[in-house]
N, C-alpha and C. Protein backbone atom coordinates (compact mmCIF):
# COMPACT_ATOMS: atom_id res chain seq x y z
N MET A 1 84.73 107.68 79.66
CA MET A 1 85.32 106.17 79.65
C MET A 1 84.77 105.46 78.97
N GLU A 2 83.36 105.31 78.82
CA GLU A 2 83.23 103.82 78.39
C GLU A 2 82.91 103.60 76.91
N ALA A 3 83.47 104.47 76.46
CA ALA A 3 83.89 104.55 74.65
C ALA A 3 85.47 104.38 74.65
N ALA A 4 86.33 104.79 74.99
CA ALA A 4 87.38 104.71 75.10
C ALA A 4 88.04 102.75 75.05
N LYS A 5 86.64 102.50 76.84
CA LYS A 5 86.70 100.96 76.99
C LYS A 5 86.46 100.18 75.83
N ALA A 6 85.47 100.69 75.58
CA ALA A 6 84.75 100.02 73.93
C ALA A 6 85.71 100.17 72.73
N ALA A 7 85.99 101.06 73.25
CA ALA A 7 87.54 100.76 71.70
C ALA A 7 88.91 99.46 71.15
N GLY A 8 89.37 98.95 73.45
CA GLY A 8 89.68 98.25 73.41
C GLY A 8 91.03 98.63 72.62
N GLY A 9 92.56 97.79 72.88
CA GLY A 9 93.47 97.29 72.39
C GLY A 9 93.90 97.48 73.73
N ASP A 10 95.99 97.28 73.86
CA ASP A 10 95.86 97.55 74.41
C ASP A 10 96.36 98.14 75.03
N VAL A 11 97.16 99.73 74.54
CA VAL A 11 96.62 100.81 75.24
C VAL A 11 96.01 101.15 76.22
N LEU A 12 95.11 101.00 76.32
CA LEU A 12 93.55 101.77 76.29
C LEU A 12 93.13 100.96 77.52
N SER A 13 93.61 99.53 77.40
CA SER A 13 93.17 98.57 78.42
C SER A 13 94.40 98.98 79.75
N GLU A 14 95.39 99.13 79.78
CA GLU A 14 96.55 99.53 80.81
C GLU A 14 96.25 100.82 80.77
N CYS A 15 95.70 101.38 80.28
CA CYS A 15 95.27 103.07 81.54
C CYS A 15 94.21 103.42 82.78
N VAL A 16 94.74 103.70 83.35
CA VAL A 16 94.51 103.11 84.34
C VAL A 16 92.66 104.59 84.42
N PHE A 17 93.14 105.75 83.06
CA PHE A 17 92.20 106.53 83.80
C PHE A 17 90.62 106.26 82.91
N CYS A 18 91.40 105.03 81.84
CA CYS A 18 89.59 104.50 80.68
C CYS A 18 89.13 103.69 81.94
N GLY A 19 90.41 103.23 82.67
CA GLY A 19 89.14 102.63 83.38
C GLY A 19 88.19 102.80 85.13
N ILE A 20 88.33 103.61 85.26
CA ILE A 20 88.24 104.74 86.46
C ILE A 20 86.87 104.14 86.97
N ASP A 21 86.95 103.50 87.93
CA ASP A 21 85.88 102.76 88.91
C ASP A 21 84.84 103.83 89.23
N ILE A 22 83.45 103.62 88.67
CA ILE A 22 82.15 105.15 89.08
C ILE A 22 81.97 105.60 89.97
N GLU A 23 82.70 105.24 91.45
CA GLU A 23 82.63 105.15 92.16
C GLU A 23 82.88 106.29 92.63
N ARG A 24 84.39 106.26 91.89
CA ARG A 24 85.64 107.61 92.57
C ARG A 24 84.62 109.09 91.96
N ILE A 25 84.09 108.95 90.50
CA ILE A 25 83.92 110.47 89.73
C ILE A 25 82.66 110.89 91.68
N ILE A 26 83.66 112.28 90.83
CA ILE A 26 83.42 112.94 92.11
C ILE A 26 81.83 114.18 91.42
N GLN A 27 82.50 114.03 90.35
CA GLN A 27 81.54 115.14 89.15
C GLN A 27 82.32 114.92 87.86
N GLN A 28 80.42 115.23 86.75
CA GLN A 28 81.18 114.57 84.88
C GLN A 28 80.39 115.58 84.41
N THR A 29 81.00 116.16 83.37
CA THR A 29 79.53 116.01 81.90
C THR A 29 79.94 114.85 81.27
N ASP A 30 79.11 115.29 79.91
CA ASP A 30 79.87 114.29 79.06
C ASP A 30 80.90 114.23 78.36
N LEU A 31 82.30 114.96 78.92
CA LEU A 31 83.65 114.64 77.79
C LEU A 31 84.27 114.41 79.57
N MET A 32 83.95 115.32 79.86
CA MET A 32 85.18 114.94 80.91
C MET A 32 84.49 114.31 82.52
N VAL A 33 85.19 113.62 83.42
CA VAL A 33 85.36 113.31 84.48
C VAL A 33 85.97 114.14 85.79
N ALA A 34 85.53 114.43 87.35
CA ALA A 34 86.34 114.66 88.08
C ALA A 34 86.42 113.78 89.54
N ILE A 35 87.79 113.08 89.99
CA ILE A 35 87.77 112.47 90.46
C ILE A 35 88.94 112.92 91.86
N ARG A 36 89.19 112.56 93.44
CA ARG A 36 90.10 112.91 93.54
C ARG A 36 91.42 111.82 93.90
N ASP A 37 92.66 112.59 93.33
CA ASP A 37 93.69 111.42 93.78
C ASP A 37 94.30 111.05 94.47
N LEU A 38 94.50 109.42 93.86
CA LEU A 38 94.63 108.66 94.83
C LEU A 38 96.13 108.23 95.72
N PHE A 39 96.65 109.70 95.09
CA PHE A 39 98.10 109.81 95.78
C PHE A 39 98.62 111.07 96.45
N PRO A 40 97.01 112.08 97.22
CA PRO A 40 97.28 113.59 96.21
C PRO A 40 97.97 113.96 97.38
N VAL A 41 98.65 115.36 96.65
CA VAL A 41 99.51 116.61 97.65
C VAL A 41 99.23 116.76 98.57
N THR A 42 97.36 117.38 98.62
CA THR A 42 96.61 117.60 100.30
C THR A 42 95.52 117.12 99.19
N ALA A 43 95.34 117.57 101.41
CA ALA A 43 93.28 116.65 100.76
C ALA A 43 92.92 117.56 99.75
N PHE A 44 91.46 116.48 99.16
CA PHE A 44 90.94 117.67 98.06
C PHE A 44 91.83 117.60 96.71
N HIS A 45 92.65 117.37 96.65
CA HIS A 45 93.53 116.36 95.49
C HIS A 45 93.29 116.41 94.46
N THR A 46 92.39 117.82 93.06
CA THR A 46 91.41 116.89 92.16
C THR A 46 91.78 116.69 91.29
N LEU A 47 91.13 115.70 90.54
CA LEU A 47 92.26 115.24 88.92
C LEU A 47 90.62 115.70 88.08
N ILE A 48 91.18 116.08 86.99
CA ILE A 48 89.77 116.65 86.29
C ILE A 48 90.65 115.96 84.07
N ILE A 49 89.48 114.74 84.49
CA ILE A 49 90.61 113.70 82.98
C ILE A 49 89.21 114.09 81.36
N PRO A 50 89.86 114.16 80.81
CA PRO A 50 88.68 113.31 79.41
C PRO A 50 88.19 112.11 79.11
N LYS A 51 87.43 112.40 79.12
CA LYS A 51 86.19 110.40 78.62
C LYS A 51 87.11 109.53 77.59
N ARG A 52 87.92 110.84 77.20
CA ARG A 52 88.20 110.14 75.81
C ARG A 52 89.34 109.74 75.97
N HIS A 53 90.09 109.16 75.46
CA HIS A 53 91.41 109.07 75.13
C HIS A 53 92.25 109.00 74.90
N VAL A 54 93.32 110.41 74.71
CA VAL A 54 94.46 111.58 75.01
C VAL A 54 95.13 111.64 75.45
N ALA A 55 96.32 111.63 75.31
CA ALA A 55 97.70 111.93 76.40
C ALA A 55 97.40 113.28 76.24
N SER A 56 97.15 114.77 75.79
CA SER A 56 98.24 115.73 75.55
C SER A 56 96.94 116.48 75.54
N TYR A 57 97.48 117.32 76.95
CA TYR A 57 96.24 118.70 77.04
C TYR A 57 96.23 119.04 75.34
N PHE A 58 97.50 119.33 74.32
CA PHE A 58 97.33 119.68 72.90
C PHE A 58 96.20 118.87 71.96
N GLU A 59 96.07 118.01 72.77
CA GLU A 59 95.18 117.23 71.90
C GLU A 59 93.64 117.24 71.73
N LEU A 60 93.07 117.80 72.53
CA LEU A 60 92.14 118.17 73.74
C LEU A 60 90.97 119.31 72.17
N THR A 61 89.90 118.58 72.07
CA THR A 61 89.30 119.06 71.23
C THR A 61 88.52 120.84 71.83
N ASP A 62 87.81 121.58 71.26
CA ASP A 62 87.56 122.48 72.18
C ASP A 62 86.65 122.30 72.69
N ASP A 63 85.89 121.79 72.75
CA ASP A 63 84.36 121.24 73.42
C ASP A 63 85.36 120.99 74.60
N GLU A 64 86.18 120.00 74.33
CA GLU A 64 86.61 119.35 75.52
C GLU A 64 87.57 120.08 77.25
N LEU A 65 88.21 121.08 76.07
CA LEU A 65 88.73 122.48 76.69
C LEU A 65 87.89 123.35 77.53
N GLY A 66 86.56 123.05 77.03
CA GLY A 66 85.67 124.12 77.60
C GLY A 66 84.96 123.16 79.16
N GLN A 67 84.86 122.36 78.53
CA GLN A 67 84.31 121.15 80.19
C GLN A 67 85.06 121.21 81.41
N MET A 68 86.73 121.02 80.56
CA MET A 68 87.48 120.77 81.65
C MET A 68 87.32 121.71 82.85
N HIS A 69 87.62 123.02 82.26
CA HIS A 69 88.07 124.60 82.23
C HIS A 69 86.55 124.97 82.96
N ALA A 70 85.44 123.74 82.50
CA ALA A 70 84.09 124.10 83.31
C ALA A 70 84.36 123.46 85.27
N LEU A 71 84.44 122.15 85.04
CA LEU A 71 85.27 121.31 85.72
C LEU A 71 85.49 122.07 87.21
N LEU A 72 86.97 122.72 86.65
CA LEU A 72 87.84 123.14 87.11
C LEU A 72 87.63 123.77 87.53
N VAL A 73 86.72 124.67 87.65
CA VAL A 73 86.26 126.37 88.74
C VAL A 73 84.89 125.61 89.15
N THR A 74 84.06 125.03 88.60
CA THR A 74 83.34 123.91 89.64
C THR A 74 83.46 123.64 90.49
N GLN A 75 85.15 122.98 90.91
CA GLN A 75 85.33 122.07 91.71
C GLN A 75 86.11 122.71 92.46
N ARG A 76 86.60 124.15 91.25
CA ARG A 76 87.30 125.27 92.59
C ARG A 76 87.14 126.46 93.83
N GLU A 77 85.08 125.95 93.02
CA GLU A 77 84.52 127.07 94.20
C GLU A 77 84.16 126.03 95.01
N ALA A 78 83.44 124.75 95.06
CA ALA A 78 83.13 123.66 95.78
C ALA A 78 84.32 123.34 96.98
N ILE A 79 85.55 122.91 96.88
CA ILE A 79 86.54 122.66 97.99
C ILE A 79 86.11 123.23 98.65
N PRO A 80 86.38 124.71 98.97
CA PRO A 80 86.50 125.47 100.16
C PRO A 80 85.11 125.95 100.70
N ARG A 81 84.03 124.70 100.26
CA ARG A 81 82.72 124.99 101.49
C ARG A 81 82.58 122.97 102.09
N ILE A 82 84.20 122.86 101.75
CA ILE A 82 83.96 121.51 102.04
C ILE A 82 85.41 121.95 103.11
N ASP A 83 85.73 122.54 102.87
CA ASP A 83 87.43 122.69 103.71
C ASP A 83 87.44 124.27 104.03
N THR A 84 87.45 124.84 105.10
CA THR A 84 87.46 126.14 104.40
C THR A 84 88.51 126.94 105.92
N THR A 85 89.57 126.05 105.27
CA THR A 85 90.88 126.67 106.12
C THR A 85 91.90 126.28 104.87
N VAL A 86 91.11 125.99 103.43
CA VAL A 86 91.90 125.76 101.72
C VAL A 86 91.79 127.61 101.90
N SER A 87 93.08 127.67 101.00
CA SER A 87 93.31 128.98 100.99
C SER A 87 93.74 129.62 100.21
N GLY A 88 94.37 128.39 98.67
CA GLY A 88 94.59 128.93 97.60
C GLY A 88 95.00 127.66 96.32
N PHE A 89 95.03 127.41 96.24
CA PHE A 89 95.46 126.58 94.78
C PHE A 89 96.85 126.71 93.23
N ASN A 90 96.91 125.51 93.30
CA ASN A 90 97.89 125.28 92.36
C ASN A 90 97.20 124.15 90.93
N ILE A 91 97.28 125.20 90.29
CA ILE A 91 97.21 124.70 88.98
C ILE A 91 97.74 124.09 87.98
N GLY A 92 97.79 122.50 88.19
CA GLY A 92 99.07 121.69 87.11
C GLY A 92 99.23 121.11 86.31
N MET A 93 99.45 120.46 85.06
CA MET A 93 99.17 119.59 84.38
C MET A 93 101.03 118.97 83.63
N ASN A 94 101.31 117.60 83.36
CA ASN A 94 101.95 117.31 83.09
C ASN A 94 102.13 116.75 81.52
N VAL A 95 103.33 117.74 80.65
CA VAL A 95 102.71 117.23 78.92
C VAL A 95 104.23 116.07 78.84
N GLY A 96 103.86 115.16 79.18
CA GLY A 96 105.24 114.50 78.41
C GLY A 96 105.97 113.98 79.30
N GLU A 97 106.31 112.89 79.17
CA GLU A 97 107.26 112.25 80.56
C GLU A 97 108.35 112.67 81.23
N ASP A 98 109.45 113.21 79.97
CA ASP A 98 110.02 115.00 80.79
C ASP A 98 109.45 115.67 81.31
N ALA A 99 108.51 115.87 81.54
CA ALA A 99 107.90 117.07 82.09
C ALA A 99 106.85 115.94 83.32
N GLY A 100 107.54 115.59 82.86
CA GLY A 100 106.90 114.53 84.15
C GLY A 100 105.29 113.31 84.44
N GLN A 101 105.02 113.77 82.72
CA GLN A 101 103.46 113.01 83.25
C GLN A 101 103.84 110.98 83.55
N THR A 102 102.92 111.17 84.76
CA THR A 102 103.33 109.12 84.30
C THR A 102 101.99 108.23 83.92
N ILE A 103 100.98 109.17 83.96
CA ILE A 103 99.94 108.72 82.89
C ILE A 103 99.30 109.16 80.88
N ALA A 104 99.70 108.11 80.55
CA ALA A 104 99.83 109.74 79.23
C ALA A 104 98.13 109.59 78.64
N HIS A 105 97.59 109.91 79.86
CA HIS A 105 96.07 110.37 79.14
C HIS A 105 96.46 111.75 80.11
N CYS A 106 95.63 112.74 79.47
CA CYS A 106 95.85 113.76 79.39
C CYS A 106 94.61 113.81 81.21
N HIS A 107 95.03 114.56 82.32
CA HIS A 107 94.67 115.12 83.78
C HIS A 107 95.28 116.29 83.64
N ILE A 108 94.66 117.23 84.40
CA ILE A 108 94.43 118.18 85.37
C ILE A 108 94.94 117.98 86.97
N HIS A 109 95.73 118.46 87.37
CA HIS A 109 95.57 118.43 88.62
C HIS A 109 94.71 119.96 89.37
N LEU A 110 94.16 120.19 90.37
CA LEU A 110 94.00 120.82 90.93
C LEU A 110 94.23 120.61 92.78
N ILE A 111 95.31 121.75 93.20
CA ILE A 111 95.92 121.20 94.50
C ILE A 111 95.92 122.33 95.30
N PRO A 112 94.66 122.02 96.44
CA PRO A 112 93.67 123.35 97.45
C PRO A 112 95.55 123.84 97.72
N ARG A 113 95.79 124.27 98.48
CA ARG A 113 96.86 124.78 99.23
C ARG A 113 96.14 125.57 101.11
N ARG A 114 97.37 125.98 101.55
CA ARG A 114 96.47 125.93 103.04
C ARG A 114 97.58 127.44 104.16
N LYS A 115 97.46 127.41 104.45
CA LYS A 115 98.20 129.01 104.98
C LYS A 115 99.78 127.87 105.81
N GLY A 116 100.34 128.38 105.90
CA GLY A 116 101.68 127.67 106.24
C GLY A 116 101.24 126.22 106.18
N ASP A 117 101.57 125.37 104.60
CA ASP A 117 101.55 123.76 104.58
C ASP A 117 102.85 123.51 104.29
N THR A 118 104.17 124.88 103.88
CA THR A 118 104.85 124.34 103.47
C THR A 118 105.50 126.47 103.48
N ARG A 119 106.31 126.01 103.68
CA ARG A 119 107.61 127.12 104.77
C ARG A 119 107.42 128.26 103.82
N ASN A 120 107.31 128.21 102.73
CA ASN A 120 107.53 128.97 101.69
C ASN A 120 106.83 128.83 99.91
N PRO A 121 106.25 129.33 100.44
CA PRO A 121 104.99 128.58 99.11
C PRO A 121 105.64 129.95 97.91
N ARG A 122 106.49 130.88 98.25
CA ARG A 122 106.37 131.31 96.72
C ARG A 122 107.34 130.73 95.74
N GLY A 123 107.06 131.20 94.69
CA GLY A 123 107.19 131.11 93.20
C GLY A 123 105.90 129.12 92.65
N GLY A 124 105.49 129.02 93.83
CA GLY A 124 104.23 128.69 93.29
C GLY A 124 104.84 126.77 92.93
N VAL A 125 104.66 126.69 90.89
CA VAL A 125 105.06 125.52 90.28
C VAL A 125 106.12 125.75 90.05
N ARG A 126 106.47 127.22 89.70
CA ARG A 126 108.48 126.89 89.52
C ARG A 126 109.00 125.89 90.08
N GLY A 127 108.51 125.83 91.56
CA GLY A 127 108.96 124.16 92.78
C GLY A 127 108.80 123.42 91.45
N VAL A 128 108.87 122.64 89.76
CA VAL A 128 109.29 121.60 89.78
C VAL A 128 110.56 121.76 89.69
N ILE A 129 111.51 122.62 88.89
CA ILE A 129 112.36 122.83 89.01
C ILE A 129 112.88 123.74 90.35
N PRO A 130 113.61 122.48 91.49
CA PRO A 130 113.72 123.14 93.08
C PRO A 130 114.39 124.75 92.74
N SER A 131 115.83 125.16 91.95
CA SER A 131 116.33 125.68 92.13
C SER A 131 116.12 126.95 91.31
N LYS A 132 115.00 126.99 90.57
CA LYS A 132 114.63 128.01 89.94
C LYS A 132 113.19 128.58 90.70
N GLN A 133 112.56 127.97 91.86
CA GLN A 133 111.54 127.91 92.63
C GLN A 133 111.99 129.65 93.21
N ASP A 134 112.60 129.98 94.24
CA ASP A 134 112.33 131.13 94.46
C ASP A 134 113.00 132.26 93.48
N TYR A 135 113.14 133.28 93.23
CA TYR A 135 113.27 134.33 92.13
C TYR A 135 114.45 135.23 92.40
N GLY A 136 115.07 135.20 93.30
CA GLY A 136 116.32 136.06 94.46
C GLY A 136 117.88 135.23 93.61
């Protein structure tokens, strides 16, 4: 994040992920941070975010991809220790405005799920297009 801030420029100065308050960071590596989502879908909804300002997952380096995965796994293991009702996860990423990306800084969502948190979870991430969630 500091490198992005130091780079300056209008885009970066407006990027909410380039200026994350250090107190929000729950875990980090040299290339990634993990924070709790400010607008969580469920309790402990976590975001894994590159420190480098990059819009798309497809622009990440191999090192960034490795560290993103490592933080994702670590948080996936930590969350059920904090909340034993967590029994599943959705992992999601929006790439591009037409896919729902509202912050042009790559980030992955780790959304804890609990039995009964929705009437019918079948189809999971297919629900981004509601008429396609049900296979029937």
